[in-house]
PDB file of all heavy atoms in Angstrom:
ATOM      1  N   GLU A   1      27.039  30.342  98.633  1.00  0.00           N
ATOM      2  CA  GLU A   1      25.903  29.600  99.184  1.00  0.00           C
ATOM      3  C   GLU A   1      24.601  30.398  99.171  1.00  0.00           C
ATOM      4  O   GLU A   1      23.560  29.900  98.736  1.00  0.00           O
ATOM      5  CB  GLU A   1      26.189  29.153 100.623  1.00  0.00           C
ATOM      6  CG  GLU A   1      25.074  28.342 101.244  1.00  0.00           C
ATOM      7  CD  GLU A   1      25.347  27.838 102.663  1.00  0.00           C
ATOM      8  OE1 GLU A   1      26.475  28.161 103.122  1.00  0.00           O
ATOM      9  OE2 GLU A   1      24.552  27.128 103.212  1.00  0.00           O
ATOM     10  N   ALA A   2      24.660  31.632  99.640  1.00  0.00           N
ATOM     11  CA  ALA A   2      23.457  32.477  99.676  1.00  0.00           C
ATOM     12  C   ALA A   2      22.881  32.710  98.274  1.00  0.00           C
ATOM     13  O   ALA A   2      21.688  32.688  98.041  1.00  0.00           O
ATOM     14  CB  ALA A   2      23.764  33.820 100.384  1.00  0.00           C
ATOM     15  N   GLU A   3      23.857  33.002  97.328  1.00  0.00           N
ATOM     16  CA  GLU A   3      23.440  33.217  95.963  1.00  0.00           C
ATOM     17  C   GLU A   3      22.886  32.051  95.324  1.00  0.00           C
ATOM     18  O   GLU A   3      21.940  32.044  94.487  1.00  0.00           O
ATOM     19  CB  GLU A   3      24.605  33.833  95.182  1.00  0.00           C
ATOM     20  CG  GLU A   3      25.098  35.183  95.728  1.00  0.00           C
ATOM     21  CD  GLU A   3      26.367  35.634  95.026  1.00  0.00           C
ATOM     22  OE1 GLU A   3      27.056  34.832  94.351  1.00  0.00           O
ATOM     23  OE2 GLU A   3      26.736  36.821  95.255  1.00  0.00           O
ATOM     24  N   ARG A   4      23.466  30.836  95.636  1.00  0.00           N
ATOM     25  CA  ARG A   4      22.947  29.582  95.069  1.00  0.00           C
ATOM     26  C   ARG A   4      21.528  29.301  95.561  1.00  0.00           C
ATOM     27  O   ARG A   4      20.668  28.892  94.792  1.00  0.00           O
ATOM     28  CB  ARG A   4      23.863  28.423  95.461  1.00  0.00           C
ATOM     29  CG  ARG A   4      25.130  28.421  94.666  1.00  0.00           C
ATOM     30  CD  ARG A   4      26.008  27.186  94.832  1.00  0.00           C
ATOM     31  NE  ARG A   4      26.658  27.186  96.179  1.00  0.00           N
ATOM     32  CZ  ARG A   4      26.396  26.306  97.130  1.00  0.00           C
ATOM     33  NH1 ARG A   4      25.518  25.354  96.948  1.00  0.00           N
ATOM     34  NH2 ARG A   4      27.099  26.394  98.248  1.00  0.00           N
ATOM     35  N   LYS A   5      21.260  29.524  96.832  1.00  0.00           N
ATOM     36  CA  LYS A   5      19.967  29.301  97.360  1.00  0.00           C
ATOM     37  C   LYS A   5      18.944  30.222  96.732  1.00  0.00           C
ATOM     38  O   LYS A   5      17.791  29.859  96.454  1.00  0.00           O
ATOM     39  CB  LYS A   5      19.945  29.417  98.866  1.00  0.00           C
ATOM     40  CG  LYS A   5      20.673  28.275  99.584  1.00  0.00           C
ATOM     41  CD  LYS A   5      20.702  28.450 101.123  1.00  0.00           C
ATOM     42  CE  LYS A   5      21.334  27.215 101.784  1.00  0.00           C
ATOM     43  NZ  LYS A   5      21.371  27.374 103.273  1.00  0.00           N
ATOM     44  N   GLN A   6      19.329  31.478  96.573  1.00  0.00           N
ATOM     45  CA  GLN A   6      18.387  32.477  95.960  1.00  0.00           C
ATOM     46  C   GLN A   6      18.150  32.127  94.472  1.00  0.00           C
ATOM     47  O   GLN A   6      17.028  32.181  94.013  1.00  0.00           O
ATOM     48  CB  GLN A   6      18.990  33.873  96.046  1.00  0.00           C
ATOM     49  CG  GLN A   6      18.107  35.000  95.470  1.00  0.00           C
ATOM     50  CD  GLN A   6      16.764  35.042  96.224  1.00  0.00           C
ATOM     51  OE1 GLN A   6      16.699  35.121  97.448  1.00  0.00           O
ATOM     52  NE2 GLN A   6      15.663  34.969  95.482  1.00  0.00           N
ATOM     53  N   ALA A   7      19.203  31.611  93.768  1.00  0.00           N
ATOM     54  CA  ALA A   7      19.012  31.249  92.442  1.00  0.00           C
ATOM     55  C   ALA A   7      18.065  30.065  92.278  1.00  0.00           C
ATOM     56  O   ALA A   7      17.284  29.941  91.346  1.00  0.00           O
ATOM     57  CB  ALA A   7      20.374  30.894  91.807  1.00  0.00           C
ATOM     58  N   ALA A   8      18.136  29.096  93.219  1.00  0.00           N
ATOM     59  CA  ALA A   8      17.200  27.934  93.217  1.00  0.00           C
ATOM     60  C   ALA A   8      15.794  28.413  93.426  1.00  0.00           C
ATOM     61  O   ALA A   8      14.873  27.853  92.711  1.00  0.00           O
ATOM     62  CB  ALA A   8      17.636  26.934  94.309  1.00  0.00           C
ATOM     63  N   VAL A   9      15.571  29.360  94.331  1.00  0.00           N
ATOM     64  CA  VAL A   9      14.261  29.901  94.493  1.00  0.00           C
ATOM     65  C   VAL A   9      13.719  30.653  93.244  1.00  0.00           C
ATOM     66  O   VAL A   9      12.610  30.424  92.751  1.00  0.00           O
ATOM     67  CB  VAL A   9      14.214  30.868  95.726  1.00  0.00           C
ATOM     68  CG1 VAL A   9      12.855  31.622  95.812  1.00  0.00           C
ATOM     69  CG2 VAL A   9      14.480  30.145  96.976  1.00  0.00           C
ATOM     70  N   ASP A  10      14.650  31.467  92.641  1.00  0.00           N
ATOM     71  CA  ASP A  10      14.259  32.191  91.426  1.00  0.00           C
ATOM     72  C   ASP A  10      13.979  31.187  90.308  1.00  0.00           C
ATOM     73  O   ASP A  10      13.044  31.438  89.446  1.00  0.00           O
ATOM     74  CB  ASP A  10      15.398  33.145  91.014  1.00  0.00           C
ATOM     75  CG  ASP A  10      15.529  34.268  91.991  1.00  0.00           C
ATOM     76  OD1 ASP A  10      14.557  34.584  92.751  1.00  0.00           O
ATOM     77  OD2 ASP A  10      16.635  34.898  92.006  1.00  0.00           O
ATOM     78  N   ALA A  11      14.710  30.115  90.180  1.00  0.00           N
ATOM     79  CA  ALA A  11      14.504  29.141  89.144  1.00  0.00           C
ATOM     80  C   ALA A  11      13.134  28.508  89.315  1.00  0.00           C
ATOM     81  O   ALA A  11      12.432  28.278  88.273  1.00  0.00           O
ATOM     82  CB  ALA A  11      15.564  28.020  89.194  1.00  0.00           C
ATOM     83  N   ASN A  12      12.706  28.216  90.523  1.00  0.00           N
ATOM     84  CA  ASN A  12      11.361  27.677  90.739  1.00  0.00           C
ATOM     85  C   ASN A  12      10.287  28.617  90.281  1.00  0.00           C
ATOM     86  O   ASN A  12       9.237  28.270  89.730  1.00  0.00           O
ATOM     87  CB  ASN A  12      11.153  27.322  92.230  1.00  0.00           C
ATOM     88  CG  ASN A  12      11.979  26.145  92.685  1.00  0.00           C
ATOM     89  OD1 ASN A  12      12.413  25.337  91.889  1.00  0.00           O
ATOM     90  ND2 ASN A  12      12.199  26.064  94.020  1.00  0.00           N
ATOM     91  N   ILE A  13      10.461  29.911  90.597  1.00  0.00           N
ATOM     92  CA  ILE A  13       9.478  30.889  90.178  1.00  0.00           C
ATOM     93  C   ILE A  13       9.410  31.005  88.676  1.00  0.00           C
ATOM     94  O   ILE A  13       8.334  31.086  88.131  1.00  0.00           O
ATOM     95  CB  ILE A  13       9.884  32.275  90.861  1.00  0.00           C
ATOM     96  CG1 ILE A  13       9.714  32.233  92.337  1.00  0.00           C
ATOM     97  CG2 ILE A  13       8.931  33.406  90.286  1.00  0.00           C
ATOM     98  CD1 ILE A  13      10.276  33.413  93.086  1.00  0.00           C
ATOM     99  N   VAL A  14      10.533  31.082  88.025  1.00  0.00           N
ATOM    100  CA  VAL A  14      10.613  31.173  86.537  1.00  0.00           C
ATOM    101  C   VAL A  14       9.967  29.958  85.946  1.00  0.00           C
ATOM    102  O   VAL A  14       9.215  30.067  84.958  1.00  0.00           O
ATOM    103  CB  VAL A  14      12.035  31.362  86.038  1.00  0.00           C
ATOM    104  CG1 VAL A  14      12.143  31.143  84.549  1.00  0.00           C
ATOM    105  CG2 VAL A  14      12.595  32.719  86.463  1.00  0.00           C
ATOM    106  N   ALA A  15      10.205  28.746  86.497  1.00  0.00           N
ATOM    107  CA  ALA A  15       9.612  27.501  85.946  1.00  0.00           C
ATOM    108  C   ALA A  15       8.055  27.633  86.027  1.00  0.00           C
ATOM    109  O   ALA A  15       7.343  27.207  85.108  1.00  0.00           O
ATOM    110  CB  ALA A  15      10.117  26.327  86.735  1.00  0.00           C
ATOM    111  N   GLN A  16       7.577  28.160  87.187  1.00  0.00           N
ATOM    112  CA  GLN A  16       6.147  28.290  87.306  1.00  0.00           C
ATOM    113  C   GLN A  16       5.563  29.307  86.350  1.00  0.00           C
ATOM    114  O   GLN A  16       4.492  29.121  85.732  1.00  0.00           O
ATOM    115  CB  GLN A  16       5.783  28.722  88.745  1.00  0.00           C
ATOM    116  CG  GLN A  16       4.319  28.763  89.043  1.00  0.00           C
ATOM    117  CD  GLN A  16       4.027  29.064  90.506  1.00  0.00           C
ATOM    118  OE1 GLN A  16       4.940  29.446  91.265  1.00  0.00           O
ATOM    119  NE2 GLN A  16       2.789  28.895  90.935  1.00  0.00           N
ATOM    120  N   GLN A  17       6.334  30.390  86.088  1.00  0.00           N
ATOM    121  CA  GLN A  17       5.879  31.398  85.084  1.00  0.00           C
ATOM    122  C   GLN A  17       5.832  30.857  83.731  1.00  0.00           C
ATOM    123  O   GLN A  17       4.996  31.198  82.933  1.00  0.00           O
ATOM    124  CB  GLN A  17       6.771  32.633  85.243  1.00  0.00           C
ATOM    125  CG  GLN A  17       6.599  33.396  86.533  1.00  0.00           C
ATOM    126  CD  GLN A  17       7.682  34.432  86.760  1.00  0.00           C
ATOM    127  OE1 GLN A  17       8.756  34.348  86.232  1.00  0.00           O
ATOM    128  NE2 GLN A  17       7.359  35.407  87.616  1.00  0.00           N
ATOM    129  N   ILE A  18       6.879  30.007  83.410  1.00  0.00           N
ATOM    130  CA  ILE A  18       6.881  29.374  82.092  1.00  0.00           C
ATOM    131  C   ILE A  18       5.712  28.499  81.862  1.00  0.00           C
ATOM    132  O   ILE A  18       4.986  28.505  80.840  1.00  0.00           O
ATOM    133  CB  ILE A  18       8.174  28.525  81.893  1.00  0.00           C
ATOM    134  CG1 ILE A  18       9.407  29.486  81.827  1.00  0.00           C
ATOM    135  CG2 ILE A  18       8.142  27.708  80.611  1.00  0.00           C
ATOM    136  CD1 ILE A  18      10.709  28.739  81.791  1.00  0.00           C
ATOM    137  N   ARG A  19       5.356  27.741  82.935  1.00  0.00           N
ATOM    138  CA  ARG A  19       4.234  26.796  82.876  1.00  0.00           C
ATOM    139  C   ARG A  19       2.914  27.534  82.686  1.00  0.00           C
ATOM    140  O   ARG A  19       2.010  27.136  81.961  1.00  0.00           O
ATOM    141  CB  ARG A  19       4.172  25.966  84.149  1.00  0.00           C
ATOM    142  CG  ARG A  19       3.065  24.972  84.210  1.00  0.00           C
ATOM    143  CD  ARG A  19       2.926  24.244  85.509  1.00  0.00           C
ATOM    144  NE  ARG A  19       1.918  23.273  85.501  1.00  0.00           N
ATOM    145  CZ  ARG A  19       1.510  22.626  86.621  1.00  0.00           C
ATOM    146  NH1 ARG A  19       2.072  22.876  87.782  1.00  0.00           N
ATOM    147  NH2 ARG A  19       0.565  21.692  86.540  1.00  0.00           N
ATOM    148  N   MET A  20       2.742  28.745  83.302  1.00  0.00           N
ATOM    149  CA  MET A  20       1.541  29.517  83.230  1.00  0.00           C
ATOM    150  C   MET A  20       1.490  30.312  81.934  1.00  0.00           C
ATOM    151  O   MET A  20       0.472  30.985  81.654  1.00  0.00           O
ATOM    152  CB  MET A  20       1.450  30.480  84.411  1.00  0.00           C
ATOM    153  CG  MET A  20       1.324  29.734  85.754  1.00  0.00           C
ATOM    154  SD  MET A  20       1.409  30.861  87.195  1.00  0.00           S
ATOM    155  CE  MET A  20       0.016  31.896  86.920  1.00  0.00           C
ATOM    156  N   GLY A  21       2.524  30.295  81.140  1.00  0.00           N
ATOM    157  CA  GLY A  21       2.590  30.987  79.913  1.00  0.00           C
ATOM    158  C   GLY A  21       2.791  32.478  79.973  1.00  0.00           C
ATOM    159  O   GLY A  21       2.364  33.258  79.094  1.00  0.00           O
ATOM    160  N   ALA A  22       3.471  32.892  81.072  1.00  0.00           N
ATOM    161  CA  ALA A  22       3.752  34.333  81.258  1.00  0.00           C
ATOM    162  C   ALA A  22       4.667  34.827  80.163  1.00  0.00           C
ATOM    163  O   ALA A  22       5.685  34.146  79.850  1.00  0.00           O
ATOM    164  CB  ALA A  22       4.359  34.527  82.658  1.00  0.00           C
ATOM    165  N   GLY A  23       4.362  35.954  79.606  1.00  0.00           N
ATOM    166  CA  GLY A  23       5.221  36.484  78.534  1.00  0.00           C
ATOM    167  C   GLY A  23       6.537  36.970  79.029  1.00  0.00           C
ATOM    168  O   GLY A  23       7.583  36.905  78.327  1.00  0.00           O
ATOM    169  N   ILE A  24       6.566  37.508  80.268  1.00  0.00           N
ATOM    170  CA  ILE A  24       7.803  38.035  80.876  1.00  0.00           C
ATOM    171  C   ILE A  24       8.050  37.338  82.219  1.00  0.00           C
ATOM    172  O   ILE A  24       7.135  37.244  83.063  1.00  0.00           O
ATOM    173  CB  ILE A  24       7.667  39.566  81.084  1.00  0.00           C
ATOM    174  CG1 ILE A  24       7.453  40.255  79.721  1.00  0.00           C
ATOM    175  CG2 ILE A  24       8.932  40.085  81.731  1.00  0.00           C
ATOM    176  CD1 ILE A  24       7.196  41.763  79.849  1.00  0.00           C
ATOM    177  N   CYS A  25       9.229  36.904  82.441  1.00  0.00           N
ATOM    178  CA  CYS A  25       9.617  36.229  83.701  1.00  0.00           C
ATOM    179  C   CYS A  25      10.117  37.257  84.647  1.00  0.00           C
ATOM    180  O   CYS A  25      10.584  38.351  84.272  1.00  0.00           O
ATOM    181  CB  CYS A  25      10.666  35.140  83.438  1.00  0.00           C
ATOM    182  SG  CYS A  25      10.079  33.764  82.442  1.00  0.00           S
ATOM    183  N   SER A  26      10.093  36.907  85.962  1.00  0.00           N
ATOM    184  CA  SER A  26      10.525  37.847  87.010  1.00  0.00           C
ATOM    185  C   SER A  26      12.014  38.099  86.923  1.00  0.00           C
ATOM    186  O   SER A  26      12.561  39.086  87.441  1.00  0.00           O
ATOM    187  CB  SER A  26      10.215  37.254  88.435  1.00  0.00           C
ATOM    188  OG  SER A  26      10.704  35.922  88.510  1.00  0.00           O
ATOM    189  N   VAL A  27      12.792  37.144  86.297  1.00  0.00           N
ATOM    190  CA  VAL A  27      14.236  37.354  86.069  1.00  0.00           C
ATOM    191  C   VAL A  27      14.414  37.430  84.569  1.00  0.00           C
ATOM    192  O   VAL A  27      14.016  36.465  83.847  1.00  0.00           O
ATOM    193  CB  VAL A  27      15.052  36.190  86.646  1.00  0.00           C
ATOM    194  CG1 VAL A  27      16.556  36.388  86.351  1.00  0.00           C
ATOM    195  CG2 VAL A  27      14.778  36.052  88.163  1.00  0.00           C
ATOM    196  N   SER A  28      14.977  38.495  84.097  1.00  0.00           N
ATOM    197  CA  SER A  28      15.190  38.692  82.700  1.00  0.00           C
ATOM    198  C   SER A  28      16.365  37.792  82.165  1.00  0.00           C
ATOM    199  O   SER A  28      17.215  37.341  82.932  1.00  0.00           O
ATOM    200  CB  SER A  28      15.454  40.119  82.302  1.00  0.00           C
ATOM    201  OG  SER A  28      16.730  40.493  82.805  1.00  0.00           O
ATOM    202  N   PHE A  29      16.406  37.615  80.934  1.00  0.00           N
ATOM    203  CA  PHE A  29      17.485  36.849  80.239  1.00  0.00           C
ATOM    204  C   PHE A  29      18.858  37.540  80.490  1.00  0.00           C
ATOM    205  O   PHE A  29      19.850  36.843  80.881  1.00  0.00           O
ATOM    206  CB  PHE A  29      17.253  36.770  78.698  1.00  0.00           C
ATOM    207  CG  PHE A  29      18.337  36.007  77.995  1.00  0.00           C
ATOM    208  CD1 PHE A  29      18.232  34.675  77.799  1.00  0.00           C
ATOM    209  CD2 PHE A  29      19.412  36.697  77.427  1.00  0.00           C
ATOM    210  CE1 PHE A  29      19.190  33.993  77.080  1.00  0.00           C
ATOM    211  CE2 PHE A  29      20.383  36.029  76.679  1.00  0.00           C
ATOM    212  CZ  PHE A  29      20.250  34.646  76.510  1.00  0.00           C
ATOM    213  N   GLU A  30      18.904  38.791  80.422  1.00  0.00           N
ATOM    214  CA  GLU A  30      20.150  39.596  80.639  1.00  0.00           C
ATOM    215  C   GLU A  30      20.589  39.480  82.068  1.00  0.00           C
ATOM    216  O   GLU A  30      21.781  39.317  82.347  1.00  0.00           O
ATOM    217  CB  GLU A  30      19.935  41.046  80.182  1.00  0.00           C
ATOM    218  CG  GLU A  30      19.887  41.296  78.713  1.00  0.00           C
ATOM    219  CD  GLU A  30      21.199  40.776  78.017  1.00  0.00           C
ATOM    220  OE1 GLU A  30      22.266  41.075  78.549  1.00  0.00           O
ATOM    221  OE2 GLU A  30      21.079  40.172  76.936  1.00  0.00           O
ATOM    222  N   GLU A  31      19.625  39.582  82.991  1.00  0.00           N
ATOM    223  CA  GLU A  31      19.982  39.508  84.408  1.00  0.00           C
ATOM    224  C   GLU A  31      20.549  38.096  84.731  1.00  0.00           C
ATOM    225  O   GLU A  31      21.510  37.977  85.422  1.00  0.00           O
ATOM    226  CB  GLU A  31      18.811  39.795  85.300  1.00  0.00           C
ATOM    227  CG  GLU A  31      19.073  39.693  86.782  1.00  0.00           C
ATOM    228  CD  GLU A  31      17.890  39.766  87.701  1.00  0.00           C
ATOM    229  OE1 GLU A  31      16.798  40.211  87.200  1.00  0.00           O
ATOM    230  OE2 GLU A  31      18.011  39.356  88.877  1.00  0.00           O
ATOM    231  N   ALA A  32      19.883  37.073  84.199  1.00  0.00           N
ATOM    232  CA  ALA A  32      20.352  35.672  84.434  1.00  0.00           C
ATOM    233  C   ALA A  32      21.722  35.504  83.824  1.00  0.00           C
ATOM    234  O   ALA A  32      22.529  34.825  84.457  1.00  0.00           O
ATOM    235  CB  ALA A  32      19.363  34.715  83.843  1.00  0.00           C
ATOM    236  N   LYS A  33      21.977  36.072  82.703  1.00  0.00           N
ATOM    237  CA  LYS A  33      23.284  35.957  82.042  1.00  0.00           C
ATOM    238  C   LYS A  33      24.380  36.617  82.873  1.00  0.00           C
ATOM    239  O   LYS A  33      25.447  36.030  83.081  1.00  0.00           O
ATOM    240  CB  LYS A  33      23.269  36.631  80.639  1.00  0.00           C
ATOM    241  CG  LYS A  33      24.539  36.517  79.893  1.00  0.00           C
ATOM    242  CD  LYS A  33      24.460  37.111  78.461  1.00  0.00           C
ATOM    243  CE  LYS A  33      24.408  38.580  78.537  1.00  0.00           C
ATOM    244  NZ  LYS A  33      24.406  39.194  77.192  1.00  0.00           N
ATOM    245  N   GLN A  34      24.118  37.765  83.412  1.00  0.00           N
ATOM    246  CA  GLN A  34      25.095  38.440  84.230  1.00  0.00           C
ATOM    247  C   GLN A  34      25.359  37.721  85.530  1.00  0.00           C
ATOM    248  O   GLN A  34      26.483  37.578  86.001  1.00  0.00           O
ATOM    249  CB  GLN A  34      24.640  39.873  84.526  1.00  0.00           C
ATOM    250  CG  GLN A  34      24.624  40.822  83.304  1.00  0.00           C
ATOM    251  CD  GLN A  34      24.059  42.214  83.608  1.00  0.00           C
ATOM    252  OE1 GLN A  34      23.677  42.488  84.761  1.00  0.00           O
ATOM    253  NE2 GLN A  34      23.920  42.982  82.582  1.00  0.00           N
ATOM    254  N   ARG A  35      24.348  37.208  86.144  1.00  0.00           N
ATOM    255  CA  ARG A  35      24.464  36.441  87.361  1.00  0.00           C
ATOM    256  C   ARG A  35      25.255  35.145  87.120  1.00  0.00           C
ATOM    257  O   ARG A  35      26.110  34.788  87.955  1.00  0.00           O
ATOM    258  CB  ARG A  35      23.091  36.155  87.943  1.00  0.00           C
ATOM    259  CG  ARG A  35      22.450  37.386  88.606  1.00  0.00           C
ATOM    260  CD  ARG A  35      21.001  37.085  89.009  1.00  0.00           C
ATOM    261  NE  ARG A  35      20.827  36.076  89.993  1.00  0.00           N
ATOM    262  CZ  ARG A  35      19.623  35.700  90.519  1.00  0.00           C
ATOM    263  NH1 ARG A  35      18.543  36.337  90.062  1.00  0.00           N
ATOM    264  NH2 ARG A  35      19.545  34.806  91.395  1.00  0.00           N
ATOM    265  N   ALA A  36      24.943  34.482  86.028  1.00  0.00           N
ATOM    266  CA  ALA A  36      25.687  33.211  85.732  1.00  0.00           C
ATOM    267  C   ALA A  36      27.094  33.493  85.428  1.00  0.00           C
ATOM    268  O   ALA A  36      28.003  32.736  85.743  1.00  0.00           O
ATOM    269  CB  ALA A  36      24.963  32.481  84.569  1.00  0.00           C
ATOM    270  N   SER A  37      27.402  34.593  84.686  1.00  0.00           N
ATOM    271  CA  SER A  37      28.736  34.949  84.327  1.00  0.00           C
ATOM    272  C   SER A  37      29.563  35.242  85.599  1.00  0.00           C
ATOM    273  O   SER A  37      30.721  34.782  85.730  1.00  0.00           O
ATOM    274  CB  SER A  37      28.742  36.195  83.447  1.00  0.00           C
ATOM    275  OG  SER A  37      28.134  35.943  82.171  1.00  0.00           O
ATOM    276  N   LYS A  38      28.958  35.984  86.484  1.00  0.00           N
ATOM    277  CA  LYS A  38      29.592  36.292  87.768  1.00  0.00           C
ATOM    278  C   LYS A  38      29.863  35.070  88.612  1.00  0.00           C
ATOM    279  O   LYS A  38      30.969  34.905  89.163  1.00  0.00           O
ATOM    280  CB  LYS A  38      28.736  37.321  88.558  1.00  0.00           C
ATOM    281  CG  LYS A  38      29.391  37.728  89.876  1.00  0.00           C
ATOM    282  CD  LYS A  38      28.433  38.710  90.619  1.00  0.00           C
ATOM    283  CE  LYS A  38      29.042  39.060  91.960  1.00  0.00           C
ATOM    284  NZ  LYS A  38      28.161  40.000  92.726  1.00  0.00           N
ATOM    285  N   ALA A  39      28.879  34.196  88.680  1.00  0.00           N
ATOM    286  CA  ALA A  39      29.076  32.945  89.450  1.00  0.00           C
ATOM    287  C   ALA A  39      30.195  32.048  88.842  1.00  0.00           C
ATOM    288  O   ALA A  39      31.059  31.572  89.588  1.00  0.00           O
ATOM    289  CB  ALA A  39      27.773  32.178  89.454  1.00  0.00           C
ATOM    290  N   LEU A  40      30.178  31.916  87.548  1.00  0.00           N
ATOM    291  CA  LEU A  40      31.204  31.123  86.892  1.00  0.00           C
ATOM    292  C   LEU A  40      32.615  31.801  87.036  1.00  0.00           C
ATOM    293  O   LEU A  40      33.602  31.087  87.206  1.00  0.00           O
ATOM    294  CB  LEU A  40      30.921  30.884  85.406  1.00  0.00           C
ATOM    295  CG  LEU A  40      29.799  29.839  85.160  1.00  0.00           C
ATOM    296  CD1 LEU A  40      29.331  29.915  83.718  1.00  0.00           C
ATOM    297  CD2 LEU A  40      30.241  28.487  85.537  1.00  0.00           C
ATOM    298  N   CYS A  41      32.599  33.056  86.928  1.00  0.00           N
ATOM    299  CA  CYS A  41      33.889  33.816  87.052  1.00  0.00           C
ATOM    300  C   CYS A  41      34.505  33.575  88.436  1.00  0.00           C
ATOM    301  O   CYS A  41      35.667  33.317  88.558  1.00  0.00           O
ATOM    302  CB  CYS A  41      33.664  35.299  86.837  1.00  0.00           C
ATOM    303  SG  CYS A  41      35.121  36.346  87.132  1.00  0.00           S
ATOM    304  N   SER A  42      33.606  33.685  89.470  1.00  0.00           N
ATOM    305  CA  SER A  42      34.074  33.496  90.867  1.00  0.00           C
ATOM    306  C   SER A  42      34.626  32.103  91.040  1.00  0.00           C
ATOM    307  O   SER A  42      35.648  31.873  91.689  1.00  0.00           O
ATOM    308  CB  SER A  42      32.951  33.820  91.796  1.00  0.00           C
ATOM    309  OG  SER A  42      33.315  33.497  93.101  1.00  0.00           O
ATOM    310  N   ALA A  43      33.902  31.112  90.489  1.00  0.00           N
ATOM    311  CA  ALA A  43      34.296  29.689  90.678  1.00  0.00           C
ATOM    312  C   ALA A  43      35.523  29.280  89.832  1.00  0.00           C
ATOM    313  O   ALA A  43      36.338  28.421  90.275  1.00  0.00           O
ATOM    314  CB  ALA A  43      33.137  28.793  90.287  1.00  0.00           C
ATOM    315  N   ALA A  44      35.749  29.978  88.716  1.00  0.00           N
ATOM    316  CA  ALA A  44      36.792  29.524  87.775  1.00  0.00           C
ATOM    317  C   ALA A  44      38.014  30.444  87.708  1.00  0.00           C
ATOM    318  O   ALA A  44      38.973  30.113  87.051  1.00  0.00           O
ATOM    319  CB  ALA A  44      36.226  29.486  86.357  1.00  0.00           C
ATOM    320  N   LEU A  45      37.990  31.578  88.471  1.00  0.00           N
ATOM    321  CA  LEU A  45      39.041  32.584  88.276  1.00  0.00           C
ATOM    322  C   LEU A  45      40.465  32.030  88.490  1.00  0.00           C
ATOM    323  O   LEU A  45      41.325  32.151  87.612  1.00  0.00           O
ATOM    324  CB  LEU A  45      38.795  33.743  89.225  1.00  0.00           C
ATOM    325  CG  LEU A  45      39.884  34.856  89.185  1.00  0.00           C
ATOM    326  CD1 LEU A  45      39.966  35.462  87.817  1.00  0.00           C
ATOM    327  CD2 LEU A  45      39.564  35.950  90.240  1.00  0.00           C
ATOM    328  N   MET A  46      40.744  31.428  89.604  1.00  0.00           N
ATOM    329  CA  MET A  46      42.103  30.930  89.903  1.00  0.00           C
ATOM    330  C   MET A  46      42.462  29.849  88.928  1.00  0.00           C
ATOM    331  O   MET A  46      43.594  29.750  88.448  1.00  0.00           O
ATOM    332  CB  MET A  46      42.210  30.518  91.312  1.00  0.00           C
ATOM    333  CG  MET A  46      43.698  30.097  91.693  1.00  0.00           C
ATOM    334  SD  MET A  46      44.928  31.346  91.267  1.00  0.00           S
ATOM    335  CE  MET A  46      44.506  32.594  92.459  1.00  0.00           C
ATOM    336  N   GLY A  47      41.441  29.008  88.610  1.00  0.00           N
ATOM    337  CA  GLY A  47      41.766  27.877  87.696  1.00  0.00           C
ATOM    338  C   GLY A  47      42.152  28.425  86.313  1.00  0.00           C
ATOM    339  O   GLY A  47      43.144  27.918  85.680  1.00  0.00           O
TER     340      GLY A  47
END
C-alpha cells in the first residue's frame, strides 16, 4: 500500500515533467524497472 501510493505520486510528477519537456525525469528508467520488477515479484511469487 505505501509503495503503491508513493508510485502514484511519482507517476504524477513524471507526467508533469514529460509535459514540460524535461530531458530527465525525477525517476529514471532503470529505477522504475527495478521497482516494477520488485512489485510484480512480490505479488506473483507464490503464484
